[in-house]
Amino acid sequence: MPNIRRFLLDYNVPWPTIVNGSGDRDYAQAYGVADVPANILIGPDGTVVQIDLSRRNLEKVLTELLKP
C-alpha cells in the first residue's frame, strides 16, 4: 500500500482510487471486473454508470452525463 500511495501522490492522480482486497473489499467481484486495470465510473448515488472507459469514449460519456 505505501508504494501505491506514493505513486498516486507522485503523479497527482486526482480521482479516488480503490485497491482490491478480499471479502467485503473484493471490489472486482462486486463490480464484475475481469481485467486489471479497469476504469469504472460510479455516479454520486453509488450506481455504476460506465465500465471500461477509455480515451476514445471518456469524453463522449462525460459530455452526455453532464448535460444540463
PDB file of N, CA and C in Angstrom:
ATOM      1  N   MET A   1       0.798  -1.203   0.000  1.00  0.00           N
ATOM      2  CA  MET A   1       0.000   0.000   0.000  1.00  0.00           C
ATOM      3  C   MET A   1       0.845   1.273   0.000  1.00  0.00           C
ATOM      4  N   PRO A   2       1.959   1.331   0.718  1.00  0.00           N
ATOM      5  CA  PRO A   2       2.763   2.558   0.680  1.00  0.00           C
ATOM      6  C   PRO A   2       3.247   2.892  -0.736  1.00  0.00           C
ATOM      7  N   ASN A   3       3.574   1.872  -1.537  1.00  0.00           N
ATOM      8  CA  ASN A   3       4.029   2.119  -2.908  1.00  0.00           C
ATOM      9  C   ASN A   3       2.905   2.689  -3.772  1.00  0.00           C
ATOM     10  N   ILE A   4       1.701   2.205  -3.569  1.00  0.00           N
ATOM     11  CA  ILE A   4       0.559   2.707  -4.326  1.00  0.00           C
ATOM     12  C   ILE A   4       0.296   4.157  -3.943  1.00  0.00           C
ATOM     13  N   ARG A   5       0.295   4.430  -2.672  1.00  0.00           N
ATOM     14  CA  ARG A   5       0.064   5.800  -2.197  1.00  0.00           C
ATOM     15  C   ARG A   5       1.133   6.744  -2.762  1.00  0.00           C
ATOM     16  N   ARG A   6       2.382   6.315  -2.752  1.00  0.00           N
ATOM     17  CA  ARG A   6       3.478   7.144  -3.271  1.00  0.00           C
ATOM     18  C   ARG A   6       3.271   7.420  -4.751  1.00  0.00           C
ATOM     19  N   PHE A   7       2.891   6.395  -5.529  1.00  0.00           N
ATOM     20  CA  PHE A   7       2.632   6.558  -6.957  1.00  0.00           C
ATOM     21  C   PHE A   7       1.533   7.592  -7.190  1.00  0.00           C
ATOM     22  N   LEU A   8       0.425   7.464  -6.463  1.00  0.00           N
ATOM     23  CA  LEU A   8      -0.699   8.383  -6.627  1.00  0.00           C
ATOM     24  C   LEU A   8      -0.301   9.817  -6.297  1.00  0.00           C
ATOM     25  N   LEU A   9       0.508   9.991  -5.270  1.00  0.00           N
ATOM     26  CA  LEU A   9       0.977  11.324  -4.907  1.00  0.00           C
ATOM     27  C   LEU A   9       1.979  11.865  -5.916  1.00  0.00           C
ATOM     28  N   ASP A  10       2.919  11.026  -6.332  1.00  0.00           N
ATOM     29  CA  ASP A  10       3.947  11.453  -7.289  1.00  0.00           C
ATOM     30  C   ASP A  10       3.343  11.901  -8.621  1.00  0.00           C
ATOM     31  N   TYR A  11       2.287  11.231  -9.040  1.00  0.00           N
ATOM     32  CA  TYR A  11       1.684  11.527 -10.337  1.00  0.00           C
ATOM     33  C   TYR A  11       0.398  12.355 -10.229  1.00  0.00           C
ATOM     34  N   ASN A  12       0.145  12.901  -9.049  1.00  0.00           N
ATOM     35  CA  ASN A  12      -1.019  13.770  -8.827  1.00  0.00           C
ATOM     36  C   ASN A  12      -2.307  13.177  -9.377  1.00  0.00           C
ATOM     37  N   VAL A  13      -2.584  11.939  -9.077  1.00  0.00           N
ATOM     38  CA  VAL A  13      -3.818  11.301  -9.521  1.00  0.00           C
ATOM     39  C   VAL A  13      -4.972  11.939  -8.753  1.00  0.00           C
ATOM     40  N   PRO A  14      -5.871  12.662  -9.464  1.00  0.00           N
ATOM     41  CA  PRO A  14      -6.886  13.446  -8.779  1.00  0.00           C
ATOM     42  C   PRO A  14      -8.171  12.705  -8.418  1.00  0.00           C
ATOM     43  N   TRP A  15      -8.350  11.508  -8.931  1.00  0.00           N
ATOM     44  CA  TRP A  15      -9.602  10.799  -8.689  1.00  0.00           C
ATOM     45  C   TRP A  15      -9.432   9.762  -7.589  1.00  0.00           C
ATOM     46  N   PRO A  16     -10.538   9.387  -6.954  1.00  0.00           N
ATOM     47  CA  PRO A  16     -10.456   8.345  -5.925  1.00  0.00           C
ATOM     48  C   PRO A  16      -9.968   7.035  -6.534  1.00  0.00           C
ATOM     49  N   THR A  17      -9.103   6.355  -5.839  1.00  0.00           N
ATOM     50  CA  THR A  17      -8.531   5.100  -6.313  1.00  0.00           C
ATOM     51  C   THR A  17      -8.840   4.013  -5.296  1.00  0.00           C
ATOM     52  N   ILE A  18      -9.321   2.882  -5.798  1.00  0.00           N
ATOM     53  CA  ILE A  18      -9.657   1.755  -4.933  1.00  0.00           C
ATOM     54  C   ILE A  18      -8.705   0.609  -5.229  1.00  0.00           C
ATOM     55  N   VAL A  19      -8.183   0.007  -4.184  1.00  0.00           N
ATOM     56  CA  VAL A  19      -7.322  -1.163  -4.323  1.00  0.00           C
ATOM     57  C   VAL A  19      -8.134  -2.381  -3.902  1.00  0.00           C
ATOM     58  N   ASN A  20      -8.166  -3.380  -4.764  1.00  0.00           N
ATOM     59  CA  ASN A  20      -8.970  -4.569  -4.492  1.00  0.00           C
ATOM     60  C   ASN A  20      -8.432  -5.353  -3.303  1.00  0.00           C
ATOM     61  N   GLY A  21      -9.337  -5.965  -2.578  1.00  0.00           N
ATOM     62  CA  GLY A  21      -8.965  -6.792  -1.440  1.00  0.00           C
ATOM     63  C   GLY A  21      -9.752  -8.090  -1.464  1.00  0.00           C
ATOM     64  N   SER A  22     -10.010  -8.622  -0.316  1.00  0.00           N
ATOM     65  CA  SER A  22     -10.787  -9.859  -0.235  1.00  0.00           C
ATOM     66  C   SER A  22     -12.011  -9.627   0.647  1.00  0.00           C
ATOM     67  N   GLY A  23     -12.923 -10.573   0.620  1.00  0.00           N
ATOM     68  CA  GLY A  23     -14.133 -10.454   1.431  1.00  0.00           C
ATOM     69  C   GLY A  23     -14.971  -9.278   1.013  1.00  0.00           C
ATOM     70  N   ASP A  24     -15.354  -8.436   1.967  1.00  0.00           N
ATOM     71  CA  ASP A  24     -16.198  -7.284   1.637  1.00  0.00           C
ATOM     72  C   ASP A  24     -15.426  -6.176   0.927  1.00  0.00           C
ATOM     73  N   ARG A  25     -14.141  -6.364   0.717  1.00  0.00           N
ATOM     74  CA  ARG A  25     -13.320  -5.409  -0.039  1.00  0.00           C
ATOM     75  C   ARG A  25     -12.939  -5.958  -1.414  1.00  0.00           C
ATOM     76  N   ASP A  26     -13.647  -6.988  -1.869  1.00  0.00           N
ATOM     77  CA  ASP A  26     -13.404  -7.540  -3.202  1.00  0.00           C
ATOM     78  C   ASP A  26     -14.243  -6.756  -4.206  1.00  0.00           C
ATOM     79  N   TYR A  27     -13.738  -5.574  -4.545  1.00  0.00           N
ATOM     80  CA  TYR A  27     -14.461  -4.665  -5.434  1.00  0.00           C
ATOM     81  C   TYR A  27     -14.539  -5.217  -6.853  1.00  0.00           C
ATOM     82  N   ALA A  28     -13.524  -5.946  -7.273  1.00  0.00           N
ATOM     83  CA  ALA A  28     -13.538  -6.523  -8.618  1.00  0.00           C
ATOM     84  C   ALA A  28     -14.735  -7.449  -8.786  1.00  0.00           C
ATOM     85  N   GLN A  29     -14.963  -8.290  -7.830  1.00  0.00           N
ATOM     86  CA  GLN A  29     -16.110  -9.195  -7.909  1.00  0.00           C
ATOM     87  C   GLN A  29     -17.427  -8.422  -7.811  1.00  0.00           C
ATOM     88  N   ALA A  30     -17.480  -7.458  -6.913  1.00  0.00           N
ATOM     89  CA  ALA A  30     -18.711  -6.688  -6.715  1.00  0.00           C
ATOM     90  C   ALA A  30     -19.125  -5.926  -7.972  1.00  0.00           C
ATOM     91  N   TYR A  31     -18.135  -5.428  -8.737  1.00  0.00           N
ATOM     92  CA  TYR A  31     -18.443  -4.648  -9.930  1.00  0.00           C
ATOM     93  C   TYR A  31     -18.246  -5.426 -11.227  1.00  0.00           C
ATOM     94  N   GLY A  32     -17.938  -6.697 -11.131  1.00  0.00           N
ATOM     95  CA  GLY A  32     -17.811  -7.527 -12.326  1.00  0.00           C
ATOM     96  C   GLY A  32     -16.584  -7.220 -13.156  1.00  0.00           C
ATOM     97  N   VAL A  33     -15.503  -6.833 -12.515  1.00  0.00           N
ATOM     98  CA  VAL A  33     -14.269  -6.509 -13.228  1.00  0.00           C
ATOM     99  C   VAL A  33     -13.514  -7.789 -13.531  1.00  0.00           C
ATOM    100  N   ALA A  34     -13.185  -7.979 -14.817  1.00  0.00           N
ATOM    101  CA  ALA A  34     -12.452  -9.175 -15.225  1.00  0.00           C
ATOM    102  C   ALA A  34     -11.005  -8.857 -15.584  1.00  0.00           C
ATOM    103  N   ASP A  35     -10.736  -7.619 -16.022  1.00  0.00           N
ATOM    104  CA  ASP A  35      -9.395  -7.214 -16.433  1.00  0.00           C
ATOM    105  C   ASP A  35      -8.886  -6.104 -15.537  1.00  0.00           C
ATOM    106  N   VAL A  36      -7.596  -6.149 -15.271  1.00  0.00           N
ATOM    107  CA  VAL A  36      -6.973  -5.136 -14.435  1.00  0.00           C
ATOM    108  C   VAL A  36      -5.847  -4.501 -15.243  1.00  0.00           C
ATOM    109  N   PRO A  37      -5.694  -3.195 -15.286  1.00  0.00           N
ATOM    110  CA  PRO A  37      -6.519  -2.231 -14.568  1.00  0.00           C
ATOM    111  C   PRO A  37      -7.865  -2.044 -15.253  1.00  0.00           C
ATOM    112  N   ALA A  38      -8.816  -1.548 -14.513  1.00  0.00           N
ATOM    113  CA  ALA A  38     -10.149  -1.285 -15.031  1.00  0.00           C
ATOM    114  C   ALA A  38     -10.585   0.102 -14.586  1.00  0.00           C
ATOM    115  N   ASN A  39     -11.387   0.728 -15.402  1.00  0.00           N
ATOM    116  CA  ASN A  39     -11.955   2.029 -15.063  1.00  0.00           C
ATOM    117  C   ASN A  39     -13.456   1.866 -14.898  1.00  0.00           C
ATOM    118  N   ILE A  40     -13.961   2.343 -13.790  1.00  0.00           N
ATOM    119  CA  ILE A  40     -15.393   2.264 -13.524  1.00  0.00           C
ATOM    120  C   ILE A  40     -15.849   3.652 -13.087  1.00  0.00           C
ATOM    121  N   LEU A  41     -16.827   4.183 -13.795  1.00  0.00           N
ATOM    122  CA  LEU A  41     -17.386   5.475 -13.425  1.00  0.00           C
ATOM    123  C   LEU A  41     -18.604   5.217 -12.550  1.00  0.00           C
ATOM    124  N   ILE A  42     -18.545   5.698 -11.321  1.00  0.00           N
ATOM    125  CA  ILE A  42     -19.618   5.492 -10.357  1.00  0.00           C
ATOM    126  C   ILE A  42     -20.287   6.838 -10.097  1.00  0.00           C
ATOM    127  N   GLY A  43     -21.603   6.868 -10.231  1.00  0.00           N
ATOM    128  CA  GLY A  43     -22.354   8.093 -10.035  1.00  0.00           C
ATOM    129  C   GLY A  43     -22.429   8.494  -8.575  1.00  0.00           C
ATOM    130  N   PRO A  44     -22.890   9.706  -8.306  1.00  0.00           N
ATOM    131  CA  PRO A  44     -22.987  10.204  -6.932  1.00  0.00           C
ATOM    132  C   PRO A  44     -23.872   9.348  -6.030  1.00  0.00           C
ATOM    133  N   ASP A  45     -24.810   8.618  -6.651  1.00  0.00           N
ATOM    134  CA  ASP A  45     -25.697   7.760  -5.861  1.00  0.00           C
ATOM    135  C   ASP A  45     -25.128   6.366  -5.645  1.00  0.00           C
ATOM    136  N   GLY A  46     -23.901   6.120  -6.141  1.00  0.00           N
ATOM    137  CA  GLY A  46     -23.240   4.835  -5.929  1.00  0.00           C
ATOM    138  C   GLY A  46     -23.501   3.804  -7.009  1.00  0.00           C
ATOM    139  N   THR A  47     -24.271   4.145  -8.026  1.00  0.00           N
ATOM    140  CA  THR A  47     -24.533   3.185  -9.101  1.00  0.00           C
ATOM    141  C   THR A  47     -23.432   3.260 -10.152  1.00  0.00           C
ATOM    142  N   VAL A  48     -23.186   2.130 -10.789  1.00  0.00           N
ATOM    143  CA  VAL A  48     -22.195   2.069 -11.858  1.00  0.00           C
ATOM    144  C   VAL A  48     -22.793   2.715 -13.103  1.00  0.00           C
ATOM    145  N   VAL A  49     -22.107   3.732 -13.614  1.00  0.00           N
ATOM    146  CA  VAL A  49     -22.568   4.452 -14.796  1.00  0.00           C
ATOM    147  C   VAL A  49     -21.950   3.859 -16.057  1.00  0.00           C
ATOM    148  N   GLN A  50     -20.657   3.536 -15.996  1.00  0.00           N
ATOM    149  CA  GLN A  50     -19.942   3.014 -17.161  1.00  0.00           C
ATOM    150  C   GLN A  50     -18.754   2.191 -16.695  1.00  0.00           C
ATOM    151  N   ILE A  51     -18.480   1.115 -17.407  1.00  0.00           N
ATOM    152  CA  ILE A  51     -17.321   0.268 -17.113  1.00  0.00           C
ATOM    153  C   ILE A  51     -16.383   0.328 -18.305  1.00  0.00           C
ATOM    154  N   ASP A  52     -15.084   0.265 -18.027  1.00  0.00           N
ATOM    155  CA  ASP A  52     -14.037   0.240 -19.045  1.00  0.00           C
ATOM    156  C   ASP A  52     -14.032   1.471 -19.940  1.00  0.00           C
ATOM    157  N   LEU A  53     -14.006   2.624 -19.316  1.00  0.00           N
ATOM    158  CA  LEU A  53     -13.843   3.854 -20.067  1.00  0.00           C
ATOM    159  C   LEU A  53     -12.441   3.890 -20.653  1.00  0.00           C
ATOM    160  N   SER A  54     -12.330   4.405 -21.841  1.00  0.00           N
ATOM    161  CA  SER A  54     -11.021   4.577 -22.463  1.00  0.00           C
ATOM    162  C   SER A  54     -10.936   6.007 -22.976  1.00  0.00           C
ATOM    163  N   ARG A  55      -9.789   6.392 -23.459  1.00  0.00           N
ATOM    164  CA  ARG A  55      -9.652   7.745 -24.003  1.00  0.00           C
ATOM    165  C   ARG A  55     -10.635   7.969 -25.144  1.00  0.00           C
ATOM    166  N   ARG A  56     -10.944   6.909 -25.870  1.00  0.00           N
ATOM    167  CA  ARG A  56     -11.844   7.026 -27.009  1.00  0.00           C
ATOM    168  C   ARG A  56     -13.267   7.379 -26.590  1.00  0.00           C
ATOM    169  N   ASN A  57     -13.736   6.828 -25.468  1.00  0.00           N
ATOM    170  CA  ASN A  57     -15.136   7.061 -25.103  1.00  0.00           C
ATOM    171  C   ASN A  57     -15.330   7.908 -23.848  1.00  0.00           C
ATOM    172  N   LEU A  58     -14.273   8.278 -23.168  1.00  0.00           N
ATOM    173  CA  LEU A  58     -14.391   9.032 -21.924  1.00  0.00           C
ATOM    174  C   LEU A  58     -15.083  10.377 -22.139  1.00  0.00           C
ATOM    175  N   GLU A  59     -14.600  11.167 -23.087  1.00  0.00           N
ATOM    176  CA  GLU A  59     -15.179  12.493 -23.306  1.00  0.00           C
ATOM    177  C   GLU A  59     -16.652  12.396 -23.713  1.00  0.00           C
ATOM    178  N   LYS A  60     -16.969  11.452 -24.577  1.00  0.00           N
ATOM    179  CA  LYS A  60     -18.353  11.281 -25.026  1.00  0.00           C
ATOM    180  C   LYS A  60     -19.269  10.944 -23.853  1.00  0.00           C
ATOM    181  N   VAL A  61     -18.856  10.001 -23.024  1.00  0.00           N
ATOM    182  CA  VAL A  61     -19.675   9.573 -21.884  1.00  0.00           C
ATOM    183  C   VAL A  61     -19.856  10.720 -20.897  1.00  0.00           C
ATOM    184  N   LEU A  62     -18.767  11.415 -20.559  1.00  0.00           N
ATOM    185  CA  LEU A  62     -18.867  12.517 -19.599  1.00  0.00           C
ATOM    186  C   LEU A  62     -19.708  13.670 -20.142  1.00  0.00           C
ATOM    187  N   THR A  63     -19.553  13.989 -21.415  1.00  0.00           N
ATOM    188  CA  THR A  63     -20.356  15.053 -22.018  1.00  0.00           C
ATOM    189  C   THR A  63     -21.834  14.718 -21.924  1.00  0.00           C
ATOM    190  N   GLU A  64     -22.175  13.483 -22.224  1.00  0.00           N
ATOM    191  CA  GLU A  64     -23.574  13.058 -22.166  1.00  0.00           C
ATOM    192  C   GLU A  64     -24.099  13.121 -20.724  1.00  0.00           C
ATOM    193  N   LEU A  65     -23.299  12.679 -19.770  1.00  0.00           N
ATOM    194  CA  LEU A  65     -23.736  12.662 -18.375  1.00  0.00           C
ATOM    195  C   LEU A  65     -23.869  14.064 -17.774  1.00  0.00           C
ATOM    196  N   LEU A  66     -23.067  14.980 -18.241  1.00  0.00           N
ATOM    197  CA  LEU A  66     -23.031  16.317 -17.655  1.00  0.00           C
ATOM    198  C   LEU A  66     -23.943  17.304 -18.382  1.00  0.00           C
ATOM    199  N   LYS A  67     -24.738  16.832 -19.308  1.00  0.00           N
ATOM    200  CA  LYS A  67     -25.686  17.717 -19.994  1.00  0.00           C
ATOM    201  C   LYS A  67     -26.651  18.314 -18.969  1.00  0.00           C
ATOM    202  N   PRO A  68     -26.972  19.617 -19.156  1.00  0.00           N
ATOM    203  CA  PRO A  68     -27.925  20.245 -18.216  1.00  0.00           C
ATOM    204  C   PRO A  68     -29.325  19.722 -18.380  1.00  0.00           C
TER     205      PRO A  68
END
